[in-house]
C-alpha atoms as a PDB file:
ATOM      1  CA  UNK A   1     154.204  67.915  21.768  1.00  0.00           C
ATOM      2  CA  UNK A   2     153.896  64.355  22.912  1.00  0.00           C
ATOM      3  CA  UNK A   3     151.228  61.947  21.444  1.00  0.00           C
ATOM      4  CA  UNK A   4     149.390  62.118  24.893  1.00  0.00           C
ATOM      5  CA  UNK A   5     149.357  65.920  24.794  1.00  0.00           C
ATOM      6  CA  UNK A   6     147.992  65.809  21.316  1.00  0.00           C
ATOM      7  CA  UNK A   7     145.219  63.441  22.412  1.00  0.00           C
ATOM      8  CA  UNK A   8     144.150  65.455  25.194  1.00  0.00           C
ATOM      9  CA  UNK A   9     143.868  68.675  22.976  1.00  0.00           C
ATOM     10  CA  UNK A  10     141.228  67.076  20.648  1.00  0.00           C
ATOM     11  CA  UNK A  11     138.247  67.542  22.622  1.00  0.00           C
ATOM     12  CA  UNK A  12     134.964  67.364  20.641  1.00  0.00           C
ATOM     13  CA  UNK A  13     132.281  67.391  23.362  1.00  0.00           C
ATOM     14  CA  UNK A  14     132.315  68.029  27.027  1.00  0.00           C
ATOM     15  CA  UNK A  15     129.862  67.798  30.013  1.00  0.00           C
ATOM     16  CA  UNK A  16     130.504  68.573  33.633  1.00  0.00           C
ATOM     17  CA  UNK A  17     128.846  67.159  36.736  1.00  0.00           C
ATOM     18  CA  UNK A  18     129.537  69.092  39.827  1.00  0.00           C
ATOM     19  CA  UNK A  19     128.986  66.941  43.052  1.00  0.00           C
ATOM     20  CA  UNK A  20     130.231  68.478  46.295  1.00  0.00           C
ATOM     21  CA  UNK A  21     134.046  68.243  46.336  1.00  0.00           C
ATOM     22  CA  UNK A  22     134.004  66.214  43.312  1.00  0.00           C
ATOM     23  CA  UNK A  23     133.624  67.247  39.757  1.00  0.00           C
ATOM     24  CA  UNK A  24     133.055  64.668  37.071  1.00  0.00           C
ATOM     25  CA  UNK A  25     134.295  65.583  33.374  1.00  0.00           C
ATOM     26  CA  UNK A  26     132.900  63.540  30.472  1.00  0.00           C
ATOM     27  CA  UNK A  27     134.911  64.431  27.331  1.00  0.00           C
ATOM     28  CA  UNK A  28     134.739  63.128  23.945  1.00  0.00           C
ATOM     29  CA  UNK A  29     138.149  63.215  22.249  1.00  0.00           C
ATOM     30  CA  UNK A  30     139.451  62.253  18.765  1.00  0.00           C
ATOM     31  CA  UNK A  31     142.394  59.916  17.972  1.00  0.00           C
ATOM     32  CA  UNK A  32     144.787  60.539  15.259  1.00  0.00           C
ATOM     33  CA  UNK A  33     142.586  58.518  13.023  1.00  0.00           C
ATOM     34  CA  UNK A  34     139.790  60.912  13.884  1.00  0.00           C
ATOM     35  CA  UNK A  35     137.729  58.028  15.705  1.00  0.00           C
ATOM     36  CA  UNK A  36     136.144  59.309  18.977  1.00  0.00           C
ATOM     37  CA  UNK A  37     136.558  57.901  22.537  1.00  0.00           C
ATOM     38  CA  UNK A  38     135.366  59.061  25.995  1.00  0.00           C
ATOM     39  CA  UNK A  39     137.396  60.161  28.982  1.00  0.00           C
ATOM     40  CA  UNK A  40     135.748  60.307  32.447  1.00  0.00           C
ATOM     41  CA  UNK A  41     137.722  62.355  34.872  1.00  0.00           C
ATOM     42  CA  UNK A  42     136.993  62.796  38.416  1.00  0.00           C
ATOM     43  CA  UNK A  43     138.507  65.604  40.047  1.00  0.00           C
ATOM     44  CA  UNK A  44     138.327  65.945  43.965  1.00  0.00           C
ATOM     45  CA  UNK A  45     139.248  69.088  45.955  1.00  0.00           C
ATOM     46  CA  UNK A  46     141.254  68.801  48.957  1.00  0.00           C
ATOM     47  CA  UNK A  47     141.645  71.842  51.415  1.00  0.00           C
ATOM     48  CA  UNK A  48     144.529  72.250  53.657  1.00  0.00           C
ATOM     49  CA  UNK A  49     144.451  73.618  57.207  1.00  0.00           C
ATOM     50  CA  UNK A  50     146.037  76.891  55.815  1.00  0.00           C
ATOM     51  CA  UNK A  51     143.326  77.329  53.340  1.00  0.00           C
ATOM     52  CA  UNK A  52     145.277  76.376  50.393  1.00  0.00           C
ATOM     53  CA  UNK A  53     143.880  73.553  48.263  1.00  0.00           C
ATOM     54  CA  UNK A  54     144.792  70.959  45.601  1.00  0.00           C
ATOM     55  CA  UNK A  55     142.979  68.764  43.263  1.00  0.00           C
ATOM     56  CA  UNK A  56     143.443  64.924  42.833  1.00  0.00           C
ATOM     57  CA  UNK A  57     142.436  63.695  39.330  1.00  0.00           C
ATOM     58  CA  UNK A  58     141.500  60.129  38.258  1.00  0.00           C
ATOM     59  CA  UNK A  59     140.916  59.374  34.516  1.00  0.00           C
ATOM     60  CA  UNK A  60     139.427  56.431  32.589  1.00  0.00           C
ATOM     61  CA  UNK A  61     139.444  56.069  28.966  1.00  0.00           C
ATOM     62  CA  UNK A  62     136.408  54.293  27.381  1.00  0.00           C
ATOM     63  CA  UNK A  63     136.662  53.053  23.664  1.00  0.00           C
ATOM     64  CA  UNK A  64     133.506  52.421  21.418  1.00  0.00           C
ATOM     65  CA  UNK A  65     134.084  48.648  21.409  1.00  0.00           C
ATOM     66  CA  UNK A  66     133.509  48.723  25.131  1.00  0.00           C
ATOM     67  CA  UNK A  67     130.511  51.061  25.368  1.00  0.00           C
ATOM     68  CA  UNK A  68     127.722  48.412  25.419  1.00  0.00           C
ATOM     69  CA  UNK A  69     129.195  46.223  28.084  1.00  0.00           C
ATOM     70  CA  UNK A  70     130.223  49.181  30.083  1.00  0.00           C
ATOM     71  CA  UNK A  71     126.677  50.587  30.046  1.00  0.00           C
ATOM     72  CA  UNK A  72     125.042  47.196  30.886  1.00  0.00           C
ATOM     73  CA  UNK A  73     127.462  46.683  33.893  1.00  0.00           C
ATOM     74  CA  UNK A  74     126.980  50.375  35.031  1.00  0.00           C
ATOM     75  CA  UNK A  75     123.268  50.143  34.807  1.00  0.00           C
ATOM     76  CA  UNK A  76     123.131  46.758  36.599  1.00  0.00           C
ATOM     77  CA  UNK A  77     125.557  48.141  39.379  1.00  0.00           C
ATOM     78  CA  UNK A  78     123.452  51.259  39.803  1.00  0.00           C
ATOM     79  CA  UNK A  79     120.186  49.395  39.656  1.00  0.00           C
ATOM     80  CA  UNK A  80     121.587  47.012  42.318  1.00  0.00           C
ATOM     81  CA  UNK A  81     122.349  49.753  44.720  1.00  0.00           C
ATOM     82  CA  UNK A  82     119.045  51.608  44.243  1.00  0.00           C
ATOM     83  CA  UNK A  83     117.295  48.429  44.860  1.00  0.00           C
ATOM     84  CA  UNK A  84     119.111  47.444  47.874  1.00  0.00           C
ATOM     85  CA  UNK A  85     119.441  50.806  49.435  1.00  0.00           C
ATOM     86  CA  UNK A  86     116.926  53.031  47.809  1.00  0.00           C
ATOM     87  CA  UNK A  87     117.569  56.598  46.516  1.00  0.00           C
ATOM     88  CA  UNK A  88     117.984  58.408  49.816  1.00  0.00           C
ATOM     89  CA  UNK A  89     121.538  59.332  50.452  1.00  0.00           C
ATOM     90  CA  UNK A  90     122.714  58.970  54.059  1.00  0.00           C
ATOM     91  CA  UNK A  91     125.153  61.847  53.875  1.00  0.00           C
ATOM     92  CA  UNK A  92     125.959  61.758  57.620  1.00  0.00           C
ATOM     93  CA  UNK A  93     127.909  58.538  57.019  1.00  0.00           C
ATOM     94  CA  UNK A  94     130.379  60.423  55.062  1.00  0.00           C
ATOM     95  CA  UNK A  95     131.479  62.594  57.930  1.00  0.00           C
ATOM     96  CA  UNK A  96     134.672  61.639  59.727  1.00  0.00           C
ATOM     97  CA  UNK A  97     133.035  61.755  62.978  1.00  0.00           C
ATOM     98  CA  UNK A  98     129.818  59.487  62.008  1.00  0.00           C
ATOM     99  CA  UNK A  99     129.046  56.847  64.422  1.00  0.00           C
ATOM    100  CA  UNK A 100     126.495  54.020  63.919  1.00  0.00           C
ATOM    101  CA  UNK A 101     123.658  54.179  66.425  1.00  0.00           C
ATOM    102  CA  UNK A 102     125.198  51.003  68.073  1.00  0.00           C
ATOM    103  CA  UNK A 103     128.292  52.918  68.833  1.00  0.00           C
ATOM    104  CA  UNK A 104     126.639  55.785  70.644  1.00  0.00           C
ATOM    105  CA  UNK A 105     126.517  55.696  74.438  1.00  0.00           C
ATOM    106  CA  UNK A 106     123.125  55.635  75.919  1.00  0.00           C
ATOM    107  CA  UNK A 107     121.430  54.825  72.660  1.00  0.00           C
ATOM    108  CA  UNK A 108     119.431  51.627  72.429  1.00  0.00           C
ATOM    109  CA  UNK A 109     120.973  48.735  70.610  1.00  0.00           C
ATOM    110  CA  UNK A 110     119.335  45.999  68.644  1.00  0.00           C
ATOM    111  CA  UNK A 111     115.634  45.292  69.422  1.00  0.00           C
ATOM    112  CA  UNK A 112     115.802  46.709  72.890  1.00  0.00           C
ATOM    113  CA  UNK A 113     114.230  49.985  71.685  1.00  0.00           C
ATOM    114  CA  UNK A 114     110.905  48.321  70.693  1.00  0.00           C
ATOM    115  CA  UNK A 115     107.972  48.400  72.916  1.00  0.00           C
ATOM    116  CA  UNK A 116     105.828  45.100  73.633  1.00  0.00           C
ATOM    117  CA  UNK A 117     102.357  45.975  72.369  1.00  0.00           C
ATOM    118  CA  UNK A 118      99.207  43.989  72.807  1.00  0.00           C
ATOM    119  CA  UNK A 119      97.036  44.324  69.864  1.00  0.00           C
ATOM    120  CA  UNK A 120      93.875  44.219  72.205  1.00  0.00           C
ATOM    121  CA  UNK A 121      95.177  47.451  73.770  1.00  0.00           C
ATOM    122  CA  UNK A 122      95.031  49.405  70.495  1.00  0.00           C
END
């Protein structure tokens, strides 16, 4: 058995986050020296036209000496996204046929859709 296979066997703690076609695995593993580290694996399911499917996996290894800085940067990045774009998920944009409103025929573009109002009329 290779060292890599041995490392992959030593799973201590695991959590799974299912998110649509993606699944995230958070696994605590042990080194040969019995220290712990974290692997984060993204597994994404791809379905073929014939109904068969396969998974693509991407994995990162995170060691204790990087936890504090990693957590700070993750928090800063997620806070930035939520502050800039809010918590609402704009899922339509993930679809292959998504078009911005300005790309749709017959849809107003820019400020043309606004109506001039006179506050004395209200």
